[in-house]
Each structure stands twice: as structure tokens, then as C-alpha cells.
Amino acid sequence: MFVVVVGCRRVGASIAQSLIEDGHDVNVIDQNLEALGRLGHDFPGNLIQGPALETTVLERAEIERADAFVAATNGDNTNIVIAQVARDRYQIPCVIARVLDPSRAKFYSQQGLTCICPTRTAIDMMEGALRAFAAEMAEDA
């Protein structure tokens, strides 16, 4: 599988490295050269420095041949826009966007975009832990 990952901070770099370890081909885009450096000089994929909102940058990353696309920048707006471009313009079969705002993630998920919302996950886990603690307290009372 060939994957284009946009964003090379903790999430994007980890996903890219994991995909490489699983034997996939990966190209990574980030505006920041230092961020791309997280993957090291021996990273087997192409590292493209530039704004992923520009189609010329996406095309340098060979988006037109991608099987999957991951938008993992720190910006919800950027992730949503480039995910829609990947899905609609380039017809990428698997497009995943990280969206930090739970209400936006819900809205765009309802529009057919696969959104991962770490904020929603944290909220759900914390609420679950608190409910479990409350249930234990109720049993002890």
C-alpha cells in the first residue's frame, strides 16, 4: 500500500514509521524541515517540505497514486481541507483526518469524512474512569 502522510509531528511521524515497519510505501509532507527530520536520514520514503494546501506539493508527494491519505497536522482547518481534496479531487480510497474539535469531527464525519478526534477519545476515557470510580464508591456505601 502507498500512503501519503501530511504532518510530521508526533502523530504523523509515528504513523509514517509504523507503516514503513509494516512494509508499506510512505511519502510525508510537512512545512517544517525540522519536523521531517524526526524520521531520520534513512527514512525510505520521500520527505516533501511545503504547504500541503498547495496541489503542487501534494503532487510532488505522488498523491495521485496513493491508496491512503492521512491528514495529521496540528490544524483542524488544514486537515479537513486537504482530506476533502484527497478524497474528492484525487479519489483516494482511504482518507483519514485528525480533527481536534469534537463538534467539527462529528459534523465532517456525518459528511462522509473519516475523522479521528483525540479530544473526544480523551473525554470518553475520562468520563468512563470517573463513572467507574463513582460506581465503586456507590458499592462501598
N, C-alpha and C. Protein backbone atom coordinates (compact mmCIF):
# COMPACT_ATOMS: atom_id res chain seq x y z
N MET A 1 0.86 -1.17 0.00
CA MET A 1 0.00 0.00 0.00
C MET A 1 0.90 1.23 0.00
N PHE A 2 0.50 2.25 -0.75
CA PHE A 2 1.22 3.53 -0.77
C PHE A 2 0.39 4.58 -0.06
N VAL A 3 1.00 5.25 0.93
CA VAL A 3 0.30 6.21 1.77
C VAL A 3 1.03 7.55 1.75
N VAL A 4 0.25 8.62 1.67
CA VAL A 4 0.78 9.98 1.85
C VAL A 4 0.32 10.46 3.22
N VAL A 5 1.29 10.87 4.04
CA VAL A 5 1.01 11.39 5.37
C VAL A 5 1.37 12.87 5.38
N VAL A 6 0.43 13.70 5.82
CA VAL A 6 0.69 15.13 5.94
C VAL A 6 0.77 15.47 7.42
N GLY A 7 1.87 16.07 7.80
CA GLY A 7 2.13 16.40 9.19
C GLY A 7 3.14 15.42 9.75
N CYS A 8 4.26 15.93 10.23
CA CYS A 8 5.33 15.06 10.70
C CYS A 8 5.72 15.41 12.14
N ARG A 9 4.72 15.66 12.94
CA ARG A 9 4.98 15.84 14.37
C ARG A 9 4.84 14.46 15.01
N ARG A 10 4.44 14.40 16.27
CA ARG A 10 4.38 13.11 16.96
C ARG A 10 3.46 12.11 16.26
N VAL A 11 2.26 12.55 15.91
CA VAL A 11 1.27 11.62 15.32
C VAL A 11 1.69 11.20 13.91
N GLY A 12 1.91 12.17 13.05
CA GLY A 12 2.25 11.85 11.67
C GLY A 12 3.53 11.05 11.54
N ALA A 13 4.56 11.44 12.28
CA ALA A 13 5.84 10.71 12.23
C ALA A 13 5.66 9.28 12.72
N SER A 14 4.90 9.10 13.79
CA SER A 14 4.68 7.74 14.33
C SER A 14 3.91 6.88 13.34
N ILE A 15 2.90 7.45 12.70
CA ILE A 15 2.13 6.70 11.71
C ILE A 15 3.02 6.32 10.53
N ALA A 16 3.79 7.28 10.04
CA ALA A 16 4.67 7.01 8.89
C ALA A 16 5.66 5.90 9.23
N GLN A 17 6.29 5.98 10.40
CA GLN A 17 7.27 4.97 10.78
C GLN A 17 6.62 3.60 10.95
N SER A 18 5.45 3.57 11.54
CA SER A 18 4.73 2.31 11.73
C SER A 18 4.36 1.67 10.39
N LEU A 19 3.90 2.50 9.46
CA LEU A 19 3.55 1.98 8.13
C LEU A 19 4.78 1.41 7.42
N ILE A 20 5.91 2.10 7.54
CA ILE A 20 7.16 1.62 6.93
C ILE A 20 7.53 0.26 7.55
N GLU A 21 7.44 0.17 8.88
CA GLU A 21 7.77 -1.09 9.56
C GLU A 21 6.87 -2.23 9.12
N ASP A 22 5.64 -1.89 8.74
CA ASP A 22 4.70 -2.91 8.25
C ASP A 22 4.90 -3.23 6.77
N GLY A 23 5.88 -2.58 6.15
CA GLY A 23 6.21 -2.89 4.76
C GLY A 23 5.52 -2.03 3.71
N HIS A 24 4.90 -0.94 4.12
CA HIS A 24 4.20 -0.07 3.17
C HIS A 24 5.14 1.02 2.66
N ASP A 25 4.76 1.62 1.55
CA ASP A 25 5.49 2.77 1.00
C ASP A 25 4.82 4.04 1.50
N VAL A 26 5.63 5.00 1.96
CA VAL A 26 5.09 6.20 2.57
C VAL A 26 5.88 7.43 2.11
N ASN A 27 5.15 8.46 1.72
CA ASN A 27 5.72 9.78 1.50
C ASN A 27 5.11 10.72 2.52
N VAL A 28 5.93 11.64 3.04
CA VAL A 28 5.49 12.52 4.11
C VAL A 28 5.68 13.97 3.71
N ILE A 29 4.68 14.79 4.02
CA ILE A 29 4.71 16.23 3.74
C ILE A 29 4.66 16.99 5.07
N ASP A 30 5.50 18.00 5.19
CA ASP A 30 5.39 18.95 6.30
C ASP A 30 6.03 20.25 5.85
N GLN A 31 5.53 21.36 6.36
CA GLN A 31 6.12 22.66 6.03
C GLN A 31 7.47 22.85 6.70
N ASN A 32 7.66 22.19 7.82
CA ASN A 32 8.83 22.40 8.65
C ASN A 32 9.88 21.33 8.40
N LEU A 33 11.05 21.75 7.96
CA LEU A 33 12.13 20.81 7.67
C LEU A 33 12.57 20.06 8.93
N GLU A 34 12.58 20.75 10.07
CA GLU A 34 12.96 20.08 11.33
C GLU A 34 11.99 18.97 11.68
N ALA A 35 10.70 19.18 11.42
CA ALA A 35 9.70 18.14 11.69
C ALA A 35 9.98 16.90 10.83
N LEU A 36 10.30 17.12 9.57
CA LEU A 36 10.61 15.99 8.69
C LEU A 36 11.84 15.24 9.19
N GLY A 37 12.73 15.95 9.86
CA GLY A 37 13.93 15.34 10.42
C GLY A 37 13.64 14.29 11.48
N ARG A 38 12.44 14.29 12.05
CA ARG A 38 12.05 13.29 13.05
C ARG A 38 12.18 11.87 12.49
N LEU A 39 12.01 11.74 11.19
CA LEU A 39 12.04 10.41 10.58
C LEU A 39 13.45 9.92 10.29
N GLY A 40 14.42 10.80 10.39
CA GLY A 40 15.81 10.40 10.19
C GLY A 40 16.22 10.38 8.72
N HIS A 41 17.51 10.31 8.53
CA HIS A 41 18.07 10.35 7.16
C HIS A 41 17.88 9.04 6.41
N ASP A 42 17.60 7.97 7.13
CA ASP A 42 17.45 6.67 6.46
C ASP A 42 15.99 6.31 6.17
N PHE A 43 15.07 7.27 6.36
CA PHE A 43 13.67 7.01 6.05
C PHE A 43 13.56 6.67 4.57
N PRO A 44 12.94 5.54 4.22
CA PRO A 44 12.94 5.10 2.83
C PRO A 44 11.97 5.83 1.90
N GLY A 45 11.02 6.58 2.46
CA GLY A 45 10.07 7.31 1.62
C GLY A 45 10.57 8.70 1.28
N ASN A 46 9.79 9.41 0.48
CA ASN A 46 10.14 10.79 0.14
C ASN A 46 9.62 11.73 1.22
N LEU A 47 10.44 12.69 1.58
CA LEU A 47 10.07 13.73 2.53
C LEU A 47 9.94 15.02 1.75
N ILE A 48 8.74 15.59 1.76
CA ILE A 48 8.45 16.77 0.95
C ILE A 48 8.20 17.95 1.87
N GLN A 49 9.01 18.98 1.72
CA GLN A 49 8.80 20.19 2.52
C GLN A 49 7.93 21.15 1.73
N GLY A 50 6.85 21.61 2.36
CA GLY A 50 5.97 22.56 1.71
C GLY A 50 4.57 22.50 2.28
N PRO A 51 3.75 23.48 1.90
CA PRO A 51 2.36 23.51 2.39
C PRO A 51 1.47 22.52 1.63
N ALA A 52 0.87 21.61 2.36
CA ALA A 52 0.04 20.58 1.74
C ALA A 52 -1.25 21.14 1.15
N LEU A 53 -1.55 22.40 1.43
CA LEU A 53 -2.72 23.03 0.82
C LEU A 53 -2.47 23.37 -0.65
N GLU A 54 -1.24 23.26 -1.09
CA GLU A 54 -0.91 23.51 -2.50
C GLU A 54 -0.89 22.18 -3.25
N THR A 55 -1.64 22.11 -4.33
CA THR A 55 -1.71 20.85 -5.08
C THR A 55 -0.35 20.47 -5.66
N THR A 56 0.50 21.44 -5.96
CA THR A 56 1.83 21.10 -6.48
C THR A 56 2.63 20.31 -5.45
N VAL A 57 2.46 20.65 -4.17
CA VAL A 57 3.14 19.92 -3.10
C VAL A 57 2.55 18.51 -2.97
N LEU A 58 1.23 18.41 -2.99
CA LEU A 58 0.58 17.10 -2.94
C LEU A 58 1.05 16.23 -4.11
N GLU A 59 1.17 16.82 -5.27
CA GLU A 59 1.58 16.06 -6.45
C GLU A 59 3.06 15.67 -6.39
N ARG A 60 3.90 16.49 -5.76
CA ARG A 60 5.31 16.09 -5.53
C ARG A 60 5.37 14.88 -4.61
N ALA A 61 4.37 14.74 -3.74
CA ALA A 61 4.29 13.58 -2.85
C ALA A 61 3.63 12.39 -3.53
N GLU A 62 3.28 12.55 -4.80
CA GLU A 62 2.68 11.49 -5.62
C GLU A 62 1.30 11.07 -5.13
N ILE A 63 0.52 12.06 -4.70
CA ILE A 63 -0.82 11.77 -4.19
C ILE A 63 -1.69 11.04 -5.21
N GLU A 64 -1.47 11.28 -6.48
CA GLU A 64 -2.32 10.67 -7.50
C GLU A 64 -2.22 9.14 -7.51
N ARG A 65 -1.18 8.57 -6.94
CA ARG A 65 -1.05 7.11 -6.89
C ARG A 65 -1.29 6.54 -5.50
N ALA A 66 -1.69 7.38 -4.55
CA ALA A 66 -1.88 6.93 -3.17
C ALA A 66 -3.09 6.03 -3.01
N ASP A 67 -2.92 5.03 -2.17
CA ASP A 67 -4.03 4.16 -1.76
C ASP A 67 -4.70 4.72 -0.52
N ALA A 68 -3.92 5.46 0.27
CA ALA A 68 -4.44 6.04 1.51
C ALA A 68 -3.77 7.38 1.76
N PHE A 69 -4.47 8.22 2.52
CA PHE A 69 -4.01 9.58 2.82
C PHE A 69 -4.34 9.90 4.26
N VAL A 70 -3.36 10.41 4.99
CA VAL A 70 -3.55 10.76 6.39
C VAL A 70 -3.24 12.24 6.58
N ALA A 71 -4.20 12.99 7.11
CA ALA A 71 -4.01 14.41 7.41
C ALA A 71 -3.84 14.53 8.92
N ALA A 72 -2.59 14.76 9.35
CA ALA A 72 -2.28 14.75 10.79
C ALA A 72 -1.51 16.00 11.21
N THR A 73 -1.86 17.14 10.64
CA THR A 73 -1.22 18.39 11.07
C THR A 73 -1.84 18.84 12.39
N ASN A 74 -1.34 19.92 12.94
CA ASN A 74 -1.90 20.46 14.19
C ASN A 74 -3.11 21.34 13.94
N GLY A 75 -3.50 21.52 12.68
CA GLY A 75 -4.61 22.42 12.36
C GLY A 75 -5.82 21.70 11.81
N ASP A 76 -6.94 21.84 12.49
CA ASP A 76 -8.18 21.21 12.01
C ASP A 76 -8.55 21.69 10.62
N ASN A 77 -8.47 23.00 10.37
CA ASN A 77 -8.86 23.53 9.06
C ASN A 77 -8.02 22.90 7.96
N THR A 78 -6.72 22.86 8.15
CA THR A 78 -5.83 22.26 7.16
C THR A 78 -6.18 20.80 6.93
N ASN A 79 -6.34 20.06 8.01
CA ASN A 79 -6.63 18.63 7.88
C ASN A 79 -7.94 18.37 7.15
N ILE A 80 -8.96 19.15 7.47
CA ILE A 80 -10.26 18.97 6.83
C ILE A 80 -10.18 19.30 5.34
N VAL A 81 -9.55 20.41 5.01
CA VAL A 81 -9.47 20.82 3.60
C VAL A 81 -8.66 19.82 2.78
N ILE A 82 -7.47 19.46 3.26
CA ILE A 82 -6.64 18.56 2.45
C ILE A 82 -7.24 17.16 2.38
N ALA A 83 -7.95 16.75 3.42
CA ALA A 83 -8.62 15.45 3.37
C ALA A 83 -9.72 15.46 2.31
N GLN A 84 -10.47 16.55 2.25
CA GLN A 84 -11.51 16.65 1.22
C GLN A 84 -10.90 16.70 -0.18
N VAL A 85 -9.79 17.39 -0.33
CA VAL A 85 -9.10 17.44 -1.63
C VAL A 85 -8.64 16.04 -2.02
N ALA A 86 -8.03 15.33 -1.08
CA ALA A 86 -7.55 13.97 -1.36
C ALA A 86 -8.70 13.06 -1.77
N ARG A 87 -9.81 13.17 -1.05
CA ARG A 87 -10.96 12.32 -1.33
C ARG A 87 -11.65 12.69 -2.63
N ASP A 88 -11.93 13.98 -2.81
CA ASP A 88 -12.77 14.42 -3.92
C ASP A 88 -12.01 14.67 -5.22
N ARG A 89 -10.86 15.30 -5.13
CA ARG A 89 -10.11 15.61 -6.35
C ARG A 89 -9.26 14.44 -6.83
N TYR A 90 -8.61 13.77 -5.86
CA TYR A 90 -7.68 12.69 -6.24
C TYR A 90 -8.28 11.30 -6.07
N GLN A 91 -9.51 11.23 -5.56
CA GLN A 91 -10.23 9.96 -5.43
C GLN A 91 -9.45 8.90 -4.64
N ILE A 92 -8.79 9.33 -3.57
CA ILE A 92 -8.04 8.39 -2.72
C ILE A 92 -9.06 7.54 -1.96
N PRO A 93 -8.94 6.22 -2.02
CA PRO A 93 -9.95 5.35 -1.42
C PRO A 93 -10.04 5.43 0.11
N CYS A 94 -8.92 5.67 0.78
CA CYS A 94 -8.92 5.73 2.25
C CYS A 94 -8.30 7.07 2.67
N VAL A 95 -9.13 7.94 3.24
CA VAL A 95 -8.68 9.26 3.68
C VAL A 95 -9.07 9.42 5.15
N ILE A 96 -8.07 9.75 5.98
CA ILE A 96 -8.30 9.90 7.42
C ILE A 96 -7.78 11.26 7.86
N ALA A 97 -8.60 11.99 8.61
CA ALA A 97 -8.20 13.31 9.10
C ALA A 97 -8.26 13.36 10.62
N ARG A 98 -7.21 13.89 11.21
CA ARG A 98 -7.24 14.16 12.66
C ARG A 98 -7.93 15.50 12.85
N VAL A 99 -8.99 15.51 13.66
CA VAL A 99 -9.74 16.73 13.94
C VAL A 99 -9.88 16.84 15.46
N LEU A 100 -9.31 17.88 16.02
CA LEU A 100 -9.27 18.03 17.47
C LEU A 100 -10.60 18.50 18.07
N ASP A 101 -11.35 19.27 17.33
CA ASP A 101 -12.63 19.82 17.82
C ASP A 101 -13.72 18.76 17.65
N PRO A 102 -14.28 18.25 18.78
CA PRO A 102 -15.28 17.18 18.68
C PRO A 102 -16.51 17.53 17.84
N SER A 103 -16.98 18.77 17.92
CA SER A 103 -18.18 19.12 17.14
C SER A 103 -17.87 19.15 15.65
N ARG A 104 -16.70 19.64 15.29
CA ARG A 104 -16.31 19.64 13.88
C ARG A 104 -16.07 18.22 13.38
N ALA A 105 -15.44 17.39 14.20
CA ALA A 105 -15.21 16.00 13.83
C ALA A 105 -16.53 15.29 13.57
N LYS A 106 -17.51 15.53 14.44
CA LYS A 106 -18.83 14.92 14.26
C LYS A 106 -19.48 15.41 12.96
N PHE A 107 -19.43 16.72 12.72
CA PHE A 107 -20.04 17.28 11.51
C PHE A 107 -19.41 16.68 10.26
N TYR A 108 -18.08 16.68 10.18
CA TYR A 108 -17.42 16.19 8.97
C TYR A 108 -17.54 14.67 8.83
N SER A 109 -17.64 13.97 9.94
CA SER A 109 -17.90 12.53 9.87
C SER A 109 -19.27 12.27 9.25
N GLN A 110 -20.24 13.10 9.62
CA GLN A 110 -21.58 12.98 9.04
C GLN A 110 -21.58 13.31 7.55
N GLN A 111 -20.57 14.06 7.09
CA GLN A 111 -20.44 14.38 5.67
C GLN A 111 -19.64 13.31 4.92
N GLY A 112 -19.29 12.23 5.62
CA GLY A 112 -18.60 11.12 4.97
C GLY A 112 -17.09 11.13 5.08
N LEU A 113 -16.53 12.02 5.86
CA LEU A 113 -15.07 12.08 6.03
C LEU A 113 -14.70 11.26 7.26
N THR A 114 -13.70 10.42 7.15
CA THR A 114 -13.25 9.65 8.30
C THR A 114 -12.41 10.56 9.18
N CYS A 115 -12.94 10.87 10.35
CA CYS A 115 -12.27 11.78 11.29
C CYS A 115 -11.91 11.03 12.57
N ILE A 116 -10.69 11.24 13.00
CA ILE A 116 -10.24 10.74 14.29
C ILE A 116 -10.13 11.94 15.20
N CYS A 117 -10.81 11.88 16.34
CA CYS A 117 -10.84 13.02 17.27
C CYS A 117 -10.22 12.60 18.61
N PRO A 118 -8.92 12.91 18.80
CA PRO A 118 -8.29 12.54 20.07
C PRO A 118 -8.93 13.23 21.27
N THR A 119 -9.49 14.41 21.08
CA THR A 119 -10.16 15.10 22.17
C THR A 119 -11.38 14.31 22.63
N ARG A 120 -12.18 13.84 21.68
CA ARG A 120 -13.37 13.05 22.01
C ARG A 120 -12.96 11.76 22.72
N THR A 121 -11.88 11.13 22.26
CA THR A 121 -11.39 9.91 22.89
C THR A 121 -10.99 10.18 24.33
N ALA A 122 -10.28 11.28 24.58
CA ALA A 122 -9.86 11.63 25.94
C ALA A 122 -11.08 11.90 26.83
N ILE A 123 -12.05 12.63 26.30
CA ILE A 123 -13.26 12.91 27.07
C ILE A 123 -13.97 11.61 27.44
N ASP A 124 -14.15 10.73 26.47
CA ASP A 124 -14.83 9.46 26.72
C ASP A 124 -14.09 8.62 27.76
N MET A 125 -12.77 8.57 27.66
CA MET A 125 -11.99 7.78 28.60
C MET A 125 -12.04 8.36 30.02
N MET A 126 -11.96 9.68 30.12
CA MET A 126 -12.02 10.31 31.44
C MET A 126 -13.40 10.14 32.07
N GLU A 127 -14.44 10.33 31.27
CA GLU A 127 -15.79 10.13 31.79
C GLU A 127 -15.98 8.68 32.23
N GLY A 128 -15.47 7.75 31.45
CA GLY A 128 -15.57 6.33 31.80
C GLY A 128 -14.86 6.02 33.11
N ALA A 129 -13.67 6.58 33.29
CA ALA A 129 -12.92 6.35 34.53
C ALA A 129 -13.66 6.95 35.72
N LEU A 130 -14.23 8.14 35.54
CA LEU A 130 -14.98 8.77 36.63
C LEU A 130 -16.24 7.99 36.96
N ARG A 131 -16.93 7.49 35.94
CA ARG A 131 -18.14 6.69 36.19
C ARG A 131 -17.79 5.39 36.91
N ALA A 132 -16.68 4.77 36.53
CA ALA A 132 -16.25 3.54 37.20
C ALA A 132 -15.93 3.81 38.66
N PHE A 133 -15.27 4.94 38.93
CA PHE A 133 -14.95 5.31 40.30
C PHE A 133 -16.22 5.59 41.10
N ALA A 134 -17.15 6.31 40.48
CA ALA A 134 -18.43 6.61 41.14
C ALA A 134 -19.18 5.33 41.47
N ALA A 135 -19.14 4.36 40.57
CA ALA A 135 -19.83 3.08 40.80
C ALA A 135 -19.17 2.33 41.95
N GLU A 136 -17.86 2.36 42.04
CA GLU A 136 -17.15 1.72 43.15
C GLU A 136 -17.52 2.38 44.47
N MET A 137 -17.60 3.71 44.47
CA MET A 137 -17.96 4.44 45.69
C MET A 137 -19.37 4.08 46.11
N ALA A 138 -20.28 3.95 45.15
CA ALA A 138 -21.67 3.61 45.45
C ALA A 138 -21.77 2.22 46.04
N GLU A 139 -20.95 1.27 45.56
CA GLU A 139 -20.96 -0.09 46.08
C GLU A 139 -20.44 -0.13 47.51
N ASP A 140 -19.46 0.72 47.80
CA ASP A 140 -18.86 0.75 49.14
C ASP A 140 -19.74 1.45 50.16
N ALA A 141 -20.71 2.22 49.70
CA ALA A 141 -21.55 3.00 50.62
C ALA A 141 -22.64 2.18 51.26
